[in-house]
Amino acid sequence: MRFPIRNKKLMEPILYNPHFDMGKIQLHQLPNIGRKRNGTHIQFYMHDNPGGSNPSVVRVAGQPTNSTGSNMGAMFGFGSIYVIDNSLTATPDANSTLIGRAQGLYAMSSQGNEFSLLIILTYNFVSGIYNGSSFSIVGRNPVMNEVREMPIVGGTGVFRLVRGFALAKTHSMDQVTAAIGYNVTVIPYY
């Protein structure tokens, strides 16, 4: 039995930002092996703040970091686990309209000369037509790549049982904070 939780208006793109530049990305077209499903495209920015008086990222476990280490894993504490509660906004400005929160865990998952995280995050929306809905990403985030692709594995509310992918690109970064642009495609289950 299917529950009609979707309508055509919810499948329209929102928060489109023509200045959101994901660079030259080529995605290969998959063969059509079933009925066509319309995807929803969402763009937003996540603000990561591991320092200062009100951090949104807190380290909760792991070995000490080694700023003089010979590889990225030693410098950032391979095996370290961080809990996050980052704001999501419609623009790169951290003071722009809050549309949601990204909550979950980062784990430093690379030992060699790369900076890679395992992320387990739920993106909760608190305004607009997606208010009260969320989707989750579980996967590898090779942070130093210009554009990172991560899988969407499910959701709640209007995103119930979705799947899809998120493309993330660091928009700006200083010594304490970072703004990461997300271009998300979710495909509903129906």
N, C-alpha and C. Protein backbone atom coordinates (compact mmCIF):
# COMPACT_ATOMS: atom_id res chain seq x y z
N MET A 1 0.84 -1.18 0.00
CA MET A 1 0.00 0.00 0.00
C MET A 1 0.89 1.24 0.00
N ARG A 2 0.61 2.18 -0.89
CA ARG A 2 1.38 3.41 -0.97
C ARG A 2 0.64 4.54 -0.29
N PHE A 3 1.39 5.38 0.38
CA PHE A 3 0.81 6.54 1.02
C PHE A 3 1.17 7.77 0.20
N PRO A 4 0.20 8.54 -0.24
CA PRO A 4 0.49 9.72 -1.06
C PRO A 4 1.01 10.88 -0.22
N ILE A 5 2.32 10.88 0.05
CA ILE A 5 2.90 11.95 0.86
C ILE A 5 3.57 13.01 0.00
N ARG A 6 3.53 12.83 -1.30
CA ARG A 6 4.18 13.77 -2.20
C ARG A 6 3.11 14.47 -3.04
N ASN A 7 3.40 15.65 -3.46
CA ASN A 7 2.58 16.29 -4.46
C ASN A 7 3.51 17.00 -5.42
N LYS A 8 2.97 17.42 -6.55
CA LYS A 8 3.81 18.00 -7.58
C LYS A 8 4.56 19.24 -7.09
N LYS A 9 3.94 20.07 -6.27
CA LYS A 9 4.60 21.29 -5.79
C LYS A 9 5.85 20.96 -4.97
N LEU A 10 5.83 19.87 -4.21
CA LEU A 10 6.99 19.50 -3.41
C LEU A 10 8.14 19.02 -4.26
N MET A 11 7.88 18.63 -5.50
CA MET A 11 8.94 18.11 -6.35
C MET A 11 9.62 19.22 -7.15
N GLU A 12 9.17 20.47 -7.02
CA GLU A 12 9.80 21.57 -7.72
C GLU A 12 11.08 21.98 -7.01
N PRO A 13 12.09 22.44 -7.76
CA PRO A 13 13.33 22.89 -7.13
C PRO A 13 13.09 24.09 -6.22
N ILE A 14 13.83 24.16 -5.11
CA ILE A 14 13.76 25.32 -4.24
C ILE A 14 15.16 25.82 -3.97
N LEU A 15 15.25 26.99 -3.45
CA LEU A 15 16.51 27.58 -3.02
C LEU A 15 17.55 27.56 -4.13
N TYR A 16 17.12 27.74 -5.37
CA TYR A 16 18.07 27.74 -6.48
C TYR A 16 18.93 28.99 -6.40
N ASN A 17 20.21 28.81 -6.50
CA ASN A 17 21.15 29.92 -6.44
C ASN A 17 22.00 29.87 -7.70
N PRO A 18 21.82 30.78 -8.66
CA PRO A 18 22.57 30.72 -9.91
C PRO A 18 24.07 30.96 -9.71
N HIS A 19 24.48 31.47 -8.56
CA HIS A 19 25.89 31.74 -8.30
C HIS A 19 26.59 30.56 -7.64
N PHE A 20 25.87 29.49 -7.40
CA PHE A 20 26.44 28.30 -6.77
C PHE A 20 27.20 27.54 -7.84
N ASP A 21 28.52 27.62 -7.81
CA ASP A 21 29.36 27.04 -8.84
C ASP A 21 29.97 25.74 -8.34
N MET A 22 29.53 24.64 -8.89
CA MET A 22 30.08 23.35 -8.48
C MET A 22 31.26 22.94 -9.35
N GLY A 23 31.74 23.85 -10.18
CA GLY A 23 32.88 23.51 -11.02
C GLY A 23 32.45 22.62 -12.16
N LYS A 24 33.41 22.01 -12.80
CA LYS A 24 33.11 21.14 -13.93
C LYS A 24 32.91 19.73 -13.42
N ILE A 25 31.66 19.36 -13.29
CA ILE A 25 31.31 18.04 -12.77
C ILE A 25 30.66 17.26 -13.89
N GLN A 26 31.11 16.04 -14.10
CA GLN A 26 30.48 15.20 -15.09
C GLN A 26 29.90 13.98 -14.38
N LEU A 27 28.61 13.85 -14.50
CA LEU A 27 27.94 12.68 -13.95
C LEU A 27 27.51 11.82 -15.13
N HIS A 28 27.75 10.55 -15.06
CA HIS A 28 27.41 9.66 -16.15
C HIS A 28 25.94 9.30 -16.07
N GLN A 29 25.29 9.30 -17.22
CA GLN A 29 23.88 8.96 -17.29
C GLN A 29 23.72 7.45 -17.10
N LEU A 30 22.90 7.06 -16.16
CA LEU A 30 22.63 5.65 -15.93
C LEU A 30 21.55 5.18 -16.89
N PRO A 31 21.60 3.92 -17.30
CA PRO A 31 20.56 3.43 -18.19
C PRO A 31 19.20 3.43 -17.49
N ASN A 32 18.17 3.70 -18.24
CA ASN A 32 16.82 3.72 -17.70
C ASN A 32 16.34 2.28 -17.55
N ILE A 33 16.30 1.79 -16.31
CA ILE A 33 15.91 0.39 -16.09
C ILE A 33 14.52 0.28 -15.47
N GLY A 34 13.82 1.35 -15.38
CA GLY A 34 12.48 1.32 -14.80
C GLY A 34 11.76 2.61 -15.10
N ARG A 35 10.72 2.87 -14.36
CA ARG A 35 9.97 4.09 -14.59
C ARG A 35 10.78 5.31 -14.13
N LYS A 36 10.52 6.42 -14.77
CA LYS A 36 11.24 7.64 -14.44
C LYS A 36 10.70 8.23 -13.14
N ARG A 37 11.60 8.62 -12.28
CA ARG A 37 11.22 9.26 -11.03
C ARG A 37 11.76 10.68 -11.04
N ASN A 38 10.93 11.62 -10.69
CA ASN A 38 11.36 13.01 -10.63
C ASN A 38 12.15 13.24 -9.36
N GLY A 39 13.27 13.91 -9.49
CA GLY A 39 14.08 14.23 -8.33
C GLY A 39 13.84 15.66 -7.88
N THR A 40 14.17 15.92 -6.65
CA THR A 40 14.11 17.26 -6.09
C THR A 40 15.54 17.75 -5.91
N HIS A 41 15.80 18.97 -6.34
CA HIS A 41 17.14 19.55 -6.23
C HIS A 41 17.09 20.68 -5.21
N ILE A 42 18.00 20.62 -4.25
CA ILE A 42 18.03 21.61 -3.17
C ILE A 42 19.46 22.12 -3.05
N GLN A 43 19.62 23.41 -2.87
CA GLN A 43 20.94 23.98 -2.63
C GLN A 43 20.90 24.75 -1.31
N PHE A 44 21.96 24.56 -0.52
CA PHE A 44 22.06 25.27 0.76
C PHE A 44 23.52 25.28 1.18
N TYR A 45 23.80 25.95 2.29
CA TYR A 45 25.16 26.06 2.82
C TYR A 45 25.18 25.59 4.27
N MET A 46 26.20 24.81 4.62
CA MET A 46 26.40 24.35 5.99
C MET A 46 27.58 25.13 6.57
N HIS A 47 27.43 25.59 7.81
CA HIS A 47 28.45 26.39 8.48
C HIS A 47 29.08 25.58 9.60
N ASP A 48 30.36 25.26 9.42
CA ASP A 48 31.13 24.43 10.33
C ASP A 48 31.98 25.35 11.20
N ASN A 49 31.83 25.27 12.51
CA ASN A 49 32.55 26.16 13.42
C ASN A 49 33.14 25.36 14.58
N PRO A 50 34.36 24.81 14.41
CA PRO A 50 34.95 23.99 15.47
C PRO A 50 35.63 24.78 16.59
N GLY A 51 35.69 26.08 16.47
CA GLY A 51 36.40 26.87 17.49
C GLY A 51 35.55 28.00 18.02
N GLY A 52 36.19 28.86 18.78
CA GLY A 52 35.50 30.02 19.32
C GLY A 52 34.73 29.71 20.58
N SER A 53 33.90 30.68 20.99
CA SER A 53 33.17 30.54 22.25
C SER A 53 31.93 29.65 22.12
N ASN A 54 31.43 29.44 20.90
CA ASN A 54 30.23 28.64 20.70
C ASN A 54 30.45 27.67 19.54
N PRO A 55 31.30 26.65 19.73
CA PRO A 55 31.60 25.74 18.61
C PRO A 55 30.40 24.88 18.22
N SER A 56 30.31 24.57 16.93
CA SER A 56 29.25 23.67 16.46
C SER A 56 29.81 22.26 16.21
N VAL A 57 31.11 22.09 16.42
CA VAL A 57 31.79 20.80 16.27
C VAL A 57 32.62 20.57 17.53
N VAL A 58 32.42 19.42 18.17
CA VAL A 58 33.15 19.11 19.40
C VAL A 58 33.74 17.71 19.29
N ARG A 59 35.03 17.60 19.59
CA ARG A 59 35.69 16.30 19.59
C ARG A 59 35.31 15.55 20.86
N VAL A 60 34.85 14.30 20.70
CA VAL A 60 34.39 13.52 21.86
C VAL A 60 35.23 12.28 22.13
N ALA A 61 36.07 11.88 21.16
CA ALA A 61 36.91 10.69 21.36
C ALA A 61 38.05 10.70 20.36
N GLY A 62 39.12 9.98 20.71
CA GLY A 62 40.22 9.81 19.76
C GLY A 62 41.57 10.10 20.36
N GLN A 63 42.58 9.79 19.57
CA GLN A 63 43.94 10.02 20.01
C GLN A 63 44.31 11.49 19.86
N PRO A 64 45.32 11.93 20.56
CA PRO A 64 45.74 13.33 20.43
C PRO A 64 46.21 13.64 19.02
N THR A 65 45.94 14.87 18.59
CA THR A 65 46.43 15.29 17.28
C THR A 65 47.91 15.61 17.38
N ASN A 66 48.59 15.56 16.25
CA ASN A 66 50.03 15.80 16.20
C ASN A 66 50.31 16.78 15.07
N SER A 67 50.44 18.07 15.39
CA SER A 67 50.62 19.08 14.36
C SER A 67 51.94 18.96 13.63
N THR A 68 52.86 18.18 14.14
CA THR A 68 54.15 17.98 13.46
C THR A 68 54.21 16.60 12.82
N GLY A 69 53.09 15.92 12.75
CA GLY A 69 53.07 14.56 12.20
C GLY A 69 53.46 14.52 10.74
N SER A 70 53.80 13.34 10.28
CA SER A 70 54.27 13.18 8.90
C SER A 70 53.14 12.99 7.90
N ASN A 71 51.93 12.77 8.37
CA ASN A 71 50.81 12.61 7.44
C ASN A 71 49.55 13.26 8.00
N MET A 72 48.53 13.37 7.15
CA MET A 72 47.29 14.04 7.54
C MET A 72 46.60 13.30 8.69
N GLY A 73 46.67 11.97 8.70
CA GLY A 73 46.05 11.20 9.78
C GLY A 73 46.61 11.56 11.14
N ALA A 74 47.93 11.72 11.22
CA ALA A 74 48.56 12.09 12.49
C ALA A 74 48.21 13.53 12.87
N MET A 75 48.19 14.42 11.86
CA MET A 75 47.90 15.83 12.15
C MET A 75 46.50 16.04 12.68
N PHE A 76 45.52 15.29 12.17
CA PHE A 76 44.13 15.50 12.55
C PHE A 76 43.58 14.41 13.46
N GLY A 77 44.41 13.48 13.90
CA GLY A 77 43.98 12.50 14.88
C GLY A 77 43.17 11.36 14.29
N PHE A 78 43.81 10.48 13.49
CA PHE A 78 43.11 9.33 12.93
C PHE A 78 42.32 8.62 14.03
N GLY A 79 41.07 8.33 13.75
CA GLY A 79 40.21 7.66 14.72
C GLY A 79 39.43 8.61 15.60
N SER A 80 39.71 9.89 15.52
CA SER A 80 38.98 10.86 16.35
C SER A 80 37.53 10.97 15.88
N ILE A 81 36.64 11.19 16.85
CA ILE A 81 35.21 11.31 16.56
C ILE A 81 34.74 12.67 17.04
N TYR A 82 33.96 13.32 16.19
CA TYR A 82 33.43 14.65 16.48
C TYR A 82 31.91 14.62 16.39
N VAL A 83 31.23 15.32 17.30
CA VAL A 83 29.78 15.49 17.25
C VAL A 83 29.52 16.89 16.70
N ILE A 84 28.57 17.00 15.78
CA ILE A 84 28.32 18.31 15.17
C ILE A 84 26.85 18.70 15.27
N ASP A 85 26.63 19.99 15.27
CA ASP A 85 25.30 20.61 15.18
C ASP A 85 25.48 21.92 14.41
N ASN A 86 25.60 21.81 13.08
CA ASN A 86 25.88 22.95 12.22
C ASN A 86 24.61 23.57 11.66
N SER A 87 24.64 24.88 11.47
CA SER A 87 23.50 25.56 10.86
C SER A 87 23.52 25.39 9.35
N LEU A 88 22.33 25.37 8.75
CA LEU A 88 22.14 25.34 7.31
C LEU A 88 21.44 26.62 6.91
N THR A 89 21.98 27.31 5.91
CA THR A 89 21.40 28.56 5.45
C THR A 89 21.21 28.55 3.94
N ALA A 90 20.42 29.48 3.45
CA ALA A 90 20.15 29.58 2.02
C ALA A 90 21.29 30.22 1.25
N THR A 91 22.14 30.99 1.92
CA THR A 91 23.27 31.67 1.27
C THR A 91 24.55 31.37 2.05
N PRO A 92 25.71 31.73 1.50
CA PRO A 92 26.97 31.49 2.21
C PRO A 92 27.14 32.32 3.49
N ASP A 93 26.32 33.34 3.66
CA ASP A 93 26.41 34.20 4.84
C ASP A 93 25.83 33.45 6.05
N ALA A 94 26.64 33.26 7.08
CA ALA A 94 26.21 32.53 8.28
C ALA A 94 25.04 33.21 8.97
N ASN A 95 24.84 34.51 8.74
CA ASN A 95 23.74 35.25 9.37
C ASN A 95 22.49 35.29 8.50
N SER A 96 22.50 34.59 7.36
CA SER A 96 21.30 34.58 6.51
C SER A 96 20.25 33.65 7.11
N THR A 97 19.12 33.54 6.45
CA THR A 97 17.99 32.78 6.96
C THR A 97 18.36 31.34 7.28
N LEU A 98 18.08 30.93 8.51
CA LEU A 98 18.32 29.55 8.94
C LEU A 98 17.23 28.67 8.34
N ILE A 99 17.65 27.65 7.57
CA ILE A 99 16.67 26.73 6.99
C ILE A 99 16.73 25.35 7.63
N GLY A 100 17.78 25.10 8.43
CA GLY A 100 17.88 23.79 9.08
C GLY A 100 19.17 23.62 9.85
N ARG A 101 19.38 22.37 10.29
CA ARG A 101 20.59 22.03 11.05
C ARG A 101 21.10 20.69 10.55
N ALA A 102 22.42 20.55 10.50
CA ALA A 102 23.06 19.27 10.20
C ALA A 102 23.58 18.73 11.52
N GLN A 103 23.09 17.57 11.92
CA GLN A 103 23.45 17.00 13.22
C GLN A 103 23.92 15.57 13.04
N GLY A 104 24.99 15.21 13.76
CA GLY A 104 25.51 13.85 13.66
C GLY A 104 26.95 13.75 14.06
N LEU A 105 27.69 12.88 13.34
CA LEU A 105 29.07 12.55 13.70
C LEU A 105 30.00 12.66 12.49
N TYR A 106 31.24 13.08 12.76
CA TYR A 106 32.36 12.96 11.84
C TYR A 106 33.35 12.01 12.50
N ALA A 107 33.99 11.17 11.72
CA ALA A 107 35.09 10.36 12.24
C ALA A 107 36.27 10.51 11.28
N MET A 108 37.45 10.80 11.82
CA MET A 108 38.65 10.92 11.01
C MET A 108 39.03 9.52 10.56
N SER A 109 38.87 9.24 9.25
CA SER A 109 38.97 7.86 8.78
C SER A 109 40.17 7.58 7.89
N SER A 110 41.07 8.53 7.72
CA SER A 110 42.23 8.28 6.86
C SER A 110 43.52 8.33 7.66
N GLN A 111 44.44 7.43 7.33
CA GLN A 111 45.73 7.38 8.01
C GLN A 111 46.84 7.99 7.17
N GLY A 112 46.70 7.94 5.86
CA GLY A 112 47.77 8.36 4.97
C GLY A 112 47.81 9.86 4.75
N ASN A 113 48.22 10.24 3.56
CA ASN A 113 48.38 11.65 3.22
C ASN A 113 47.14 12.23 2.58
N GLU A 114 46.02 11.97 3.17
CA GLU A 114 44.77 12.58 2.73
C GLU A 114 43.98 12.95 3.97
N PHE A 115 42.96 13.75 3.77
CA PHE A 115 42.11 14.17 4.87
C PHE A 115 40.72 13.71 4.52
N SER A 116 40.30 12.60 5.09
CA SER A 116 39.02 11.99 4.76
C SER A 116 38.22 11.72 6.03
N LEU A 117 36.94 12.02 5.97
CA LEU A 117 36.04 11.80 7.10
C LEU A 117 34.98 10.77 6.73
N LEU A 118 34.58 9.98 7.70
CA LEU A 118 33.35 9.20 7.58
C LEU A 118 32.29 10.10 8.21
N ILE A 119 31.24 10.40 7.47
CA ILE A 119 30.21 11.27 8.04
C ILE A 119 28.90 10.51 8.19
N ILE A 120 28.25 10.77 9.30
CA ILE A 120 26.93 10.23 9.59
C ILE A 120 26.12 11.44 10.04
N LEU A 121 25.40 12.04 9.09
CA LEU A 121 24.71 13.30 9.36
C LEU A 121 23.25 13.25 8.93
N THR A 122 22.41 13.90 9.71
CA THR A 122 21.02 14.11 9.35
C THR A 122 20.83 15.61 9.14
N TYR A 123 20.28 15.96 8.01
CA TYR A 123 20.02 17.36 7.65
C TYR A 123 18.54 17.62 7.93
N ASN A 124 18.27 18.33 9.03
CA ASN A 124 16.90 18.62 9.48
C ASN A 124 16.48 20.00 9.00
N PHE A 125 15.33 20.10 8.36
CA PHE A 125 14.84 21.39 7.87
C PHE A 125 13.84 21.96 8.87
N VAL A 126 13.99 23.27 9.14
CA VAL A 126 13.17 23.92 10.16
C VAL A 126 12.32 25.06 9.60
N SER A 127 12.32 25.24 8.27
CA SER A 127 11.49 26.29 7.67
C SER A 127 11.17 25.90 6.23
N GLY A 128 10.24 26.62 5.64
CA GLY A 128 9.86 26.39 4.25
C GLY A 128 9.03 25.14 4.07
N ILE A 129 8.91 24.71 2.82
CA ILE A 129 8.04 23.56 2.53
C ILE A 129 8.59 22.25 3.06
N TYR A 130 9.89 22.21 3.43
CA TYR A 130 10.48 21.00 3.98
C TYR A 130 10.54 21.03 5.50
N ASN A 131 9.89 22.00 6.13
CA ASN A 131 9.88 22.12 7.58
C ASN A 131 9.44 20.81 8.23
N GLY A 132 10.25 20.31 9.15
CA GLY A 132 9.93 19.06 9.85
C GLY A 132 10.43 17.82 9.15
N SER A 133 11.02 17.96 7.98
CA SER A 133 11.53 16.82 7.22
C SER A 133 13.05 16.77 7.32
N SER A 134 13.61 15.61 7.01
CA SER A 134 15.07 15.46 7.06
C SER A 134 15.50 14.38 6.08
N PHE A 135 16.80 14.41 5.74
CA PHE A 135 17.41 13.30 5.02
C PHE A 135 18.77 13.04 5.65
N SER A 136 19.29 11.83 5.43
CA SER A 136 20.56 11.43 6.06
C SER A 136 21.60 11.04 5.03
N ILE A 137 22.85 11.40 5.36
CA ILE A 137 24.01 11.03 4.54
C ILE A 137 24.92 10.17 5.41
N VAL A 138 25.33 9.03 4.87
CA VAL A 138 26.31 8.18 5.53
C VAL A 138 27.33 7.83 4.46
N GLY A 139 28.57 8.27 4.64
CA GLY A 139 29.58 7.96 3.64
C GLY A 139 30.89 8.68 3.86
N ARG A 140 31.78 8.47 2.92
CA ARG A 140 33.13 9.04 2.97
C ARG A 140 33.12 10.45 2.39
N ASN A 141 33.81 11.36 3.07
CA ASN A 141 33.95 12.74 2.62
C ASN A 141 35.43 13.06 2.49
N PRO A 142 35.98 12.95 1.26
CA PRO A 142 37.39 13.31 1.06
C PRO A 142 37.54 14.83 1.03
N VAL A 143 37.71 15.42 2.19
CA VAL A 143 37.59 16.86 2.42
C VAL A 143 38.45 17.71 1.49
N MET A 144 39.64 17.24 1.10
CA MET A 144 40.53 18.06 0.29
C MET A 144 40.17 18.05 -1.20
N ASN A 145 39.25 17.19 -1.62
CA ASN A 145 38.79 17.23 -3.01
C ASN A 145 37.94 18.48 -3.22
N GLU A 146 38.02 19.04 -4.42
CA GLU A 146 37.26 20.26 -4.68
C GLU A 146 35.76 20.01 -4.54
N VAL A 147 35.27 18.94 -5.14
CA VAL A 147 33.86 18.57 -5.05
C VAL A 147 33.81 17.14 -4.52
N ARG A 148 32.97 16.94 -3.49
CA ARG A 148 32.81 15.62 -2.89
C ARG A 148 31.38 15.12 -3.11
N GLU A 149 31.26 13.86 -3.52
CA GLU A 149 29.95 13.25 -3.71
C GLU A 149 29.69 12.26 -2.59
N MET A 150 28.52 12.38 -1.96
CA MET A 150 28.17 11.50 -0.83
C MET A 150 26.74 10.98 -1.02
N PRO A 151 26.47 9.77 -0.53
CA PRO A 151 25.15 9.18 -0.73
C PRO A 151 24.11 9.63 0.29
N ILE A 152 22.89 9.82 -0.19
CA ILE A 152 21.74 10.05 0.70
C ILE A 152 21.06 8.70 0.85
N VAL A 153 20.88 8.28 2.09
CA VAL A 153 20.42 6.91 2.35
C VAL A 153 18.99 6.81 2.89
N GLY A 154 18.32 7.93 3.07
CA GLY A 154 16.94 7.88 3.56
C GLY A 154 16.53 9.21 4.13
N GLY A 155 15.30 9.26 4.64
CA GLY A 155 14.82 10.50 5.21
C GLY A 155 13.51 10.34 5.94
N THR A 156 12.97 11.47 6.38
CA THR A 156 11.70 11.50 7.10
C THR A 156 10.82 12.59 6.50
N GLY A 157 9.53 12.59 6.87
CA GLY A 157 8.61 13.60 6.36
C GLY A 157 8.46 13.49 4.86
N VAL A 158 8.57 14.61 4.13
CA VAL A 158 8.44 14.56 2.68
C VAL A 158 9.62 13.82 2.03
N PHE A 159 10.68 13.58 2.80
CA PHE A 159 11.83 12.83 2.29
C PHE A 159 11.81 11.37 2.74
N ARG A 160 10.68 10.87 3.19
CA ARG A 160 10.58 9.49 3.66
C ARG A 160 11.02 8.53 2.56
N LEU A 161 11.97 7.66 2.89
CA LEU A 161 12.49 6.62 2.00
C LEU A 161 13.22 7.14 0.76
N VAL A 162 13.64 8.42 0.74
CA VAL A 162 14.36 8.91 -0.43
C VAL A 162 15.73 8.27 -0.52
N ARG A 163 16.31 8.41 -1.67
CA ARG A 163 17.71 8.09 -1.89
C ARG A 163 18.22 9.19 -2.81
N GLY A 164 19.52 9.27 -2.95
CA GLY A 164 20.06 10.30 -3.82
C GLY A 164 21.52 10.56 -3.52
N PHE A 165 21.96 11.77 -3.83
CA PHE A 165 23.35 12.12 -3.60
C PHE A 165 23.47 13.60 -3.31
N ALA A 166 24.57 13.93 -2.64
CA ALA A 166 24.88 15.33 -2.33
C ALA A 166 26.27 15.63 -2.87
N LEU A 167 26.38 16.77 -3.54
CA LEU A 167 27.68 17.27 -3.97
C LEU A 167 28.03 18.41 -3.04
N ALA A 168 29.18 18.32 -2.40
CA ALA A 168 29.61 19.35 -1.46
C ALA A 168 30.87 20.03 -1.99
N LYS A 169 30.93 21.33 -1.81
CA LYS A 169 32.10 22.10 -2.24
C LYS A 169 32.35 23.18 -1.20
N THR A 170 33.59 23.28 -0.72
CA THR A 170 33.92 24.31 0.26
C THR A 170 33.82 25.67 -0.42
N HIS A 171 32.96 26.52 0.11
CA HIS A 171 32.77 27.86 -0.43
C HIS A 171 33.79 28.82 0.13
N SER A 172 33.98 28.76 1.44
CA SER A 172 34.98 29.62 2.09
C SER A 172 35.46 28.94 3.37
N MET A 173 36.68 29.28 3.77
CA MET A 173 37.24 28.69 4.97
C MET A 173 38.29 29.64 5.52
N ASP A 174 38.28 29.81 6.84
CA ASP A 174 39.37 30.53 7.50
C ASP A 174 39.92 29.60 8.58
N GLN A 175 40.67 30.12 9.51
CA GLN A 175 41.29 29.24 10.50
C GLN A 175 40.30 28.64 11.49
N VAL A 176 39.11 29.19 11.58
CA VAL A 176 38.14 28.69 12.56
C VAL A 176 36.88 28.16 11.91
N THR A 177 36.35 28.80 10.90
CA THR A 177 35.05 28.42 10.34
C THR A 177 35.15 28.05 8.88
N ALA A 178 34.12 27.34 8.40
CA ALA A 178 34.02 26.99 6.98
C ALA A 178 32.56 27.05 6.56
N ALA A 179 32.33 27.47 5.33
CA ALA A 179 31.00 27.43 4.72
C ALA A 179 31.08 26.45 3.56
N ILE A 180 30.26 25.40 3.61
CA ILE A 180 30.29 24.35 2.60
C ILE A 180 28.99 24.40 1.83
N GLY A 181 29.09 24.56 0.52
CA GLY A 181 27.91 24.56 -0.34
C GLY A 181 27.48 23.15 -0.66
N TYR A 182 26.19 22.90 -0.60
CA TYR A 182 25.63 21.59 -0.93
C TYR A 182 24.66 21.73 -2.09
N ASN A 183 24.78 20.84 -3.06
CA ASN A 183 23.85 20.71 -4.16
C ASN A 183 23.32 19.29 -4.06
N VAL A 184 22.08 19.15 -3.65
CA VAL A 184 21.51 17.85 -3.28
C VAL A 184 20.45 17.43 -4.28
N THR A 185 20.48 16.17 -4.66
CA THR A 185 19.42 15.58 -5.48
C THR A 185 18.84 14.42 -4.69
N VAL A 186 17.53 14.50 -4.40
CA VAL A 186 16.84 13.41 -3.72
C VAL A 186 15.79 12.84 -4.67
N ILE A 187 15.69 11.52 -4.67
CA ILE A 187 14.74 10.82 -5.52
C ILE A 187 13.75 10.11 -4.61
N PRO A 188 12.46 10.44 -4.75
CA PRO A 188 11.47 9.87 -3.82
C PRO A 188 11.17 8.42 -4.12
N TYR A 189 10.63 7.77 -3.12
CA TYR A 189 10.17 6.39 -3.26
C TYR A 189 8.67 6.45 -3.51
N TYR A 190 8.26 6.15 -4.71
CA TYR A 190 6.83 6.02 -5.04
C TYR A 190 6.67 5.30 -6.33
